[in-house]
């Protein structure tokens, strides 16, 4: 049984993602959810299935990292999809036809402590210093040694994997049972 393709309302986006109204507005304003900023609430249907997938990914990441870092990660995800000529809407319709592997956020240890006497003025202190997104499209193994060997003390210590196919399946399931 196929799921509804959309468009979806603000309330449906809220139901699927479990994000609050303010959180969704902030995600749209920051570009985490790539819907038009002027999209209103109510019964105006203008959110796509890809917006639901973005919201589900954002809701998961916002439990672990700050909104600025999530916005950077989503920008990198969008860039990766664009680079590999993958249309997000087509991916949502048939995720099995695309192979997206090893997409994860890696947080590297800081090399120097934050300057307590002179903190930076931006809201997301260190947002660009700690976030790396790696992705591999296809099933071929990488050539050469791993990027972060186990004996390296400066190797990434925290990984947050993002499984796009699982996110689409979750959204499909939530559409079937909730909407």
C-alpha atoms as a PDB file:
ATOM      1  CA  UNK A   1       0.000   0.000   0.000  1.00  0.00           C
ATOM      2  CA  UNK A   2       1.510   3.339  -1.072  1.00  0.00           C
ATOM      3  CA  UNK A   3       1.523   6.333   1.195  1.00  0.00           C
ATOM      4  CA  UNK A   4       0.191   9.762   0.468  1.00  0.00           C
ATOM      5  CA  UNK A   5       2.723  11.938  -1.370  1.00  0.00           C
ATOM      6  CA  UNK A   6       1.518  15.288  -0.062  1.00  0.00           C
ATOM      7  CA  UNK A   7       1.257  18.172   0.190  1.00  0.00           C
ATOM      8  CA  UNK A   8       0.870  18.266   3.962  1.00  0.00           C
ATOM      9  CA  UNK A   9      -0.346  20.871   6.449  1.00  0.00           C
ATOM     10  CA  UNK A  10       1.593  22.475   9.287  1.00  0.00           C
ATOM     11  CA  UNK A  11      -0.407  20.367  11.781  1.00  0.00           C
ATOM     12  CA  UNK A  12       0.466  17.172   9.898  1.00  0.00           C
ATOM     13  CA  UNK A  13       4.145  18.150   9.913  1.00  0.00           C
ATOM     14  CA  UNK A  14       3.864  18.739  13.647  1.00  0.00           C
ATOM     15  CA  UNK A  15       2.187  15.355  14.182  1.00  0.00           C
ATOM     16  CA  UNK A  16       4.783  13.398  12.190  1.00  0.00           C
ATOM     17  CA  UNK A  17       7.862  15.100  13.644  1.00  0.00           C
ATOM     18  CA  UNK A  18       6.647  15.653  17.236  1.00  0.00           C
ATOM     19  CA  UNK A  19       8.182  19.120  17.086  1.00  0.00           C
ATOM     20  CA  UNK A  20       6.381  22.085  18.615  1.00  0.00           C
ATOM     21  CA  UNK A  21       5.070  25.049  16.623  1.00  0.00           C
ATOM     22  CA  UNK A  22       7.991  27.274  17.595  1.00  0.00           C
ATOM     23  CA  UNK A  23      10.530  24.548  16.837  1.00  0.00           C
ATOM     24  CA  UNK A  24       9.086  24.017  13.364  1.00  0.00           C
ATOM     25  CA  UNK A  25       9.080  27.757  12.662  1.00  0.00           C
ATOM     26  CA  UNK A  26      12.709  27.979  13.813  1.00  0.00           C
ATOM     27  CA  UNK A  27      13.663  24.981  11.644  1.00  0.00           C
ATOM     28  CA  UNK A  28      12.047  26.610   8.602  1.00  0.00           C
ATOM     29  CA  UNK A  29      13.687  29.981   9.360  1.00  0.00           C
ATOM     30  CA  UNK A  30      17.144  28.382   9.729  1.00  0.00           C
ATOM     31  CA  UNK A  31      16.737  26.292   6.568  1.00  0.00           C
ATOM     32  CA  UNK A  32      16.718  22.973   8.416  1.00  0.00           C
ATOM     33  CA  UNK A  33      13.331  22.257   6.844  1.00  0.00           C
ATOM     34  CA  UNK A  34      13.524  23.533   3.280  1.00  0.00           C
ATOM     35  CA  UNK A  35       9.930  24.779   3.042  1.00  0.00           C
ATOM     36  CA  UNK A  36       9.254  28.389   2.038  1.00  0.00           C
ATOM     37  CA  UNK A  37       9.536  30.737   5.029  1.00  0.00           C
ATOM     38  CA  UNK A  38       6.156  32.327   4.350  1.00  0.00           C
ATOM     39  CA  UNK A  39       4.300  29.028   4.803  1.00  0.00           C
ATOM     40  CA  UNK A  40       1.528  29.554   7.310  1.00  0.00           C
ATOM     41  CA  UNK A  41      -0.252  27.368   9.778  1.00  0.00           C
ATOM     42  CA  UNK A  42      -3.761  26.039   9.456  1.00  0.00           C
ATOM     43  CA  UNK A  43      -5.067  23.926   6.607  1.00  0.00           C
ATOM     44  CA  UNK A  44      -2.868  25.432   3.886  1.00  0.00           C
ATOM     45  CA  UNK A  45      -1.146  22.403   2.347  1.00  0.00           C
ATOM     46  CA  UNK A  46       2.334  23.320   1.234  1.00  0.00           C
ATOM     47  CA  UNK A  47       4.767  20.912   2.945  1.00  0.00           C
ATOM     48  CA  UNK A  48       6.189  18.085   0.846  1.00  0.00           C
ATOM     49  CA  UNK A  49       7.094  14.587   1.961  1.00  0.00           C
ATOM     50  CA  UNK A  50      10.759  15.633   1.857  1.00  0.00           C
ATOM     51  CA  UNK A  51       9.929  18.370   4.384  1.00  0.00           C
ATOM     52  CA  UNK A  52       8.530  15.670   6.684  1.00  0.00           C
ATOM     53  CA  UNK A  53      11.742  13.648   6.302  1.00  0.00           C
ATOM     54  CA  UNK A  54      13.822  16.754   7.055  1.00  0.00           C
ATOM     55  CA  UNK A  55      11.672  17.389  10.128  1.00  0.00           C
ATOM     56  CA  UNK A  56      12.124  13.827  11.404  1.00  0.00           C
ATOM     57  CA  UNK A  57      15.906  14.031  10.951  1.00  0.00           C
ATOM     58  CA  UNK A  58      15.979  17.453  12.613  1.00  0.00           C
ATOM     59  CA  UNK A  59      13.896  16.249  15.559  1.00  0.00           C
ATOM     60  CA  UNK A  60      16.368  13.412  16.135  1.00  0.00           C
ATOM     61  CA  UNK A  61      19.443  15.622  15.853  1.00  0.00           C
ATOM     62  CA  UNK A  62      18.021  18.423  18.006  1.00  0.00           C
ATOM     63  CA  UNK A  63      17.989  16.009  20.940  1.00  0.00           C
ATOM     64  CA  UNK A  64      21.799  15.840  20.739  1.00  0.00           C
ATOM     65  CA  UNK A  65      23.198  19.005  19.174  1.00  0.00           C
ATOM     66  CA  UNK A  66      22.333  22.688  18.882  1.00  0.00           C
ATOM     67  CA  UNK A  67      20.141  24.122  16.134  1.00  0.00           C
ATOM     68  CA  UNK A  68      23.035  25.889  14.368  1.00  0.00           C
ATOM     69  CA  UNK A  69      24.903  22.614  14.018  1.00  0.00           C
ATOM     70  CA  UNK A  70      21.746  20.889  12.763  1.00  0.00           C
ATOM     71  CA  UNK A  71      21.320  23.669  10.181  1.00  0.00           C
ATOM     72  CA  UNK A  72      24.909  23.143   8.997  1.00  0.00           C
ATOM     73  CA  UNK A  73      24.383  19.392   8.794  1.00  0.00           C
ATOM     74  CA  UNK A  74      21.198  19.796   6.759  1.00  0.00           C
ATOM     75  CA  UNK A  75      22.964  22.231   4.393  1.00  0.00           C
ATOM     76  CA  UNK A  76      25.680  19.631   3.869  1.00  0.00           C
ATOM     77  CA  UNK A  77      23.059  16.917   3.351  1.00  0.00           C
ATOM     78  CA  UNK A  78      21.315  19.058   0.716  1.00  0.00           C
ATOM     79  CA  UNK A  79      24.657  19.776  -0.965  1.00  0.00           C
ATOM     80  CA  UNK A  80      25.558  16.068  -0.975  1.00  0.00           C
ATOM     81  CA  UNK A  81      22.230  15.140  -2.589  1.00  0.00           C
ATOM     82  CA  UNK A  82      22.610  17.915  -5.165  1.00  0.00           C
ATOM     83  CA  UNK A  83      26.209  16.900  -5.937  1.00  0.00           C
ATOM     84  CA  UNK A  84      25.096  13.324  -6.649  1.00  0.00           C
ATOM     85  CA  UNK A  85      22.071  14.517  -8.669  1.00  0.00           C
ATOM     86  CA  UNK A  86      19.541  12.974  -6.291  1.00  0.00           C
ATOM     87  CA  UNK A  87      16.201  14.755  -6.195  1.00  0.00           C
ATOM     88  CA  UNK A  88      14.939  14.586  -2.587  1.00  0.00           C
ATOM     89  CA  UNK A  89      11.306  14.214  -3.707  1.00  0.00           C
ATOM     90  CA  UNK A  90      12.188  11.289  -5.992  1.00  0.00           C
ATOM     91  CA  UNK A  91      14.216   9.759  -3.174  1.00  0.00           C
ATOM     92  CA  UNK A  92      11.133   9.896  -0.934  1.00  0.00           C
ATOM     93  CA  UNK A  93       9.080   8.048  -3.551  1.00  0.00           C
ATOM     94  CA  UNK A  94      11.602   5.248  -4.113  1.00  0.00           C
ATOM     95  CA  UNK A  95      14.460   5.257  -1.590  1.00  0.00           C
ATOM     96  CA  UNK A  96      15.559   1.740  -2.590  1.00  0.00           C
ATOM     97  CA  UNK A  97      16.641   2.912  -6.036  1.00  0.00           C
ATOM     98  CA  UNK A  98      19.366   5.137  -4.551  1.00  0.00           C
ATOM     99  CA  UNK A  99      22.247   3.908  -2.420  1.00  0.00           C
ATOM    100  CA  UNK A 100      23.317   6.394   0.252  1.00  0.00           C
ATOM    101  CA  UNK A 101      25.771   4.992   2.784  1.00  0.00           C
ATOM    102  CA  UNK A 102      27.974   6.219   5.617  1.00  0.00           C
ATOM    103  CA  UNK A 103      26.224   9.521   6.194  1.00  0.00           C
ATOM    104  CA  UNK A 104      27.129  10.630   9.699  1.00  0.00           C
ATOM    105  CA  UNK A 105      28.027  13.611  11.787  1.00  0.00           C
ATOM    106  CA  UNK A 106      31.392  13.370  13.494  1.00  0.00           C
ATOM    107  CA  UNK A 107      32.366  15.489  16.445  1.00  0.00           C
ATOM    108  CA  UNK A 108      36.095  15.848  16.835  1.00  0.00           C
ATOM    109  CA  UNK A 109      37.777  16.757  20.116  1.00  0.00           C
ATOM    110  CA  UNK A 110      38.626  20.407  20.604  1.00  0.00           C
ATOM    111  CA  UNK A 111      42.284  21.247  20.217  1.00  0.00           C
ATOM    112  CA  UNK A 112      42.101  24.239  22.551  1.00  0.00           C
ATOM    113  CA  UNK A 113      39.565  25.204  25.214  1.00  0.00           C
ATOM    114  CA  UNK A 114      37.082  27.998  24.592  1.00  0.00           C
ATOM    115  CA  UNK A 115      38.326  31.425  25.548  1.00  0.00           C
ATOM    116  CA  UNK A 116      36.279  32.198  28.664  1.00  0.00           C
ATOM    117  CA  UNK A 117      37.471  35.799  28.919  1.00  0.00           C
ATOM    118  CA  UNK A 118      36.508  36.747  25.397  1.00  0.00           C
ATOM    119  CA  UNK A 119      33.623  34.516  24.192  1.00  0.00           C
ATOM    120  CA  UNK A 120      32.565  34.685  20.579  1.00  0.00           C
ATOM    121  CA  UNK A 121      29.504  36.764  19.837  1.00  0.00           C
ATOM    122  CA  UNK A 122      27.637  34.252  17.702  1.00  0.00           C
ATOM    123  CA  UNK A 123      24.849  32.105  19.126  1.00  0.00           C
ATOM    124  CA  UNK A 124      26.412  28.799  18.151  1.00  0.00           C
ATOM    125  CA  UNK A 125      29.904  28.917  19.602  1.00  0.00           C
ATOM    126  CA  UNK A 126      32.120  26.436  17.785  1.00  0.00           C
ATOM    127  CA  UNK A 127      29.424  25.280  15.370  1.00  0.00           C
ATOM    128  CA  UNK A 128      31.831  25.035  12.449  1.00  0.00           C
ATOM    129  CA  UNK A 129      34.777  23.689  14.429  1.00  0.00           C
ATOM    130  CA  UNK A 130      33.185  20.416  15.501  1.00  0.00           C
ATOM    131  CA  UNK A 131      30.980  19.262  12.660  1.00  0.00           C
ATOM    132  CA  UNK A 132      32.055  17.095   9.747  1.00  0.00           C
ATOM    133  CA  UNK A 133      29.630  15.314   7.456  1.00  0.00           C
ATOM    134  CA  UNK A 134      30.934  12.335   5.522  1.00  0.00           C
ATOM    135  CA  UNK A 135      28.932  10.511   2.908  1.00  0.00           C
ATOM    136  CA  UNK A 136      29.550   7.792   0.387  1.00  0.00           C
ATOM    137  CA  UNK A 137      27.229   7.059  -2.486  1.00  0.00           C
ATOM    138  CA  UNK A 138      27.467   3.493  -3.757  1.00  0.00           C
ATOM    139  CA  UNK A 139      28.609   0.172  -2.402  1.00  0.00           C
ATOM    140  CA  UNK A 140      32.312   0.250  -3.328  1.00  0.00           C
ATOM    141  CA  UNK A 141      34.652   0.113  -0.307  1.00  0.00           C
ATOM    142  CA  UNK A 142      36.912   3.077   0.270  1.00  0.00           C
ATOM    143  CA  UNK A 143      40.500   2.701  -0.924  1.00  0.00           C
ATOM    144  CA  UNK A 144      43.330   3.152   1.532  1.00  0.00           C
ATOM    145  CA  UNK A 145      43.405   3.285   5.315  1.00  0.00           C
ATOM    146  CA  UNK A 146      40.402   4.484   7.302  1.00  0.00           C
ATOM    147  CA  UNK A 147      40.119   8.225   7.843  1.00  0.00           C
ATOM    148  CA  UNK A 148      40.130   7.863  11.631  1.00  0.00           C
ATOM    149  CA  UNK A 149      42.323   4.957  12.778  1.00  0.00           C
ATOM    150  CA  UNK A 150      41.502   3.421  16.170  1.00  0.00           C
ATOM    151  CA  UNK A 151      44.905   4.250  17.675  1.00  0.00           C
ATOM    152  CA  UNK A 152      44.591   7.982  16.939  1.00  0.00           C
ATOM    153  CA  UNK A 153      43.727   9.894  20.154  1.00  0.00           C
ATOM    154  CA  UNK A 154      42.308  12.759  18.079  1.00  0.00           C
ATOM    155  CA  UNK A 155      39.888  10.494  16.207  1.00  0.00           C
ATOM    156  CA  UNK A 156      36.202  11.318  16.244  1.00  0.00           C
ATOM    157  CA  UNK A 157      34.657  10.291  19.538  1.00  0.00           C
ATOM    158  CA  UNK A 158      30.991  10.760  18.767  1.00  0.00           C
ATOM    159  CA  UNK A 159      29.113   9.642  15.668  1.00  0.00           C
ATOM    160  CA  UNK A 160      25.487  10.415  14.884  1.00  0.00           C
ATOM    161  CA  UNK A 161      24.459   8.334  11.873  1.00  0.00           C
ATOM    162  CA  UNK A 162      21.719   9.553   9.564  1.00  0.00           C
ATOM    163  CA  UNK A 163      19.888   6.810   7.672  1.00  0.00           C
ATOM    164  CA  UNK A 164      17.866   8.535   4.941  1.00  0.00           C
ATOM    165  CA  UNK A 165      16.098   5.367   3.853  1.00  0.00           C
ATOM    166  CA  UNK A 166      15.008   4.632   7.433  1.00  0.00           C
ATOM    167  CA  UNK A 167      13.805   8.236   7.813  1.00  0.00           C
ATOM    168  CA  UNK A 168      11.625   7.849   4.700  1.00  0.00           C
ATOM    169  CA  UNK A 169      10.257   4.508   5.962  1.00  0.00           C
ATOM    170  CA  UNK A 170       9.494   6.114   9.342  1.00  0.00           C
ATOM    171  CA  UNK A 171       7.632   8.992   7.682  1.00  0.00           C
ATOM    172  CA  UNK A 172       5.676   6.513   5.522  1.00  0.00           C
ATOM    173  CA  UNK A 173       4.736   4.532   8.622  1.00  0.00           C
ATOM    174  CA  UNK A 174       3.688   7.655  10.529  1.00  0.00           C
ATOM    175  CA  UNK A 175       1.582   8.843   7.582  1.00  0.00           C
ATOM    176  CA  UNK A 176      -0.221   5.492   7.506  1.00  0.00           C
ATOM    177  CA  UNK A 177      -0.965   5.334  11.226  1.00  0.00           C
ATOM    178  CA  UNK A 178      -1.384   9.009  12.170  1.00  0.00           C
ATOM    179  CA  UNK A 179      -2.889  10.765   9.146  1.00  0.00           C
END
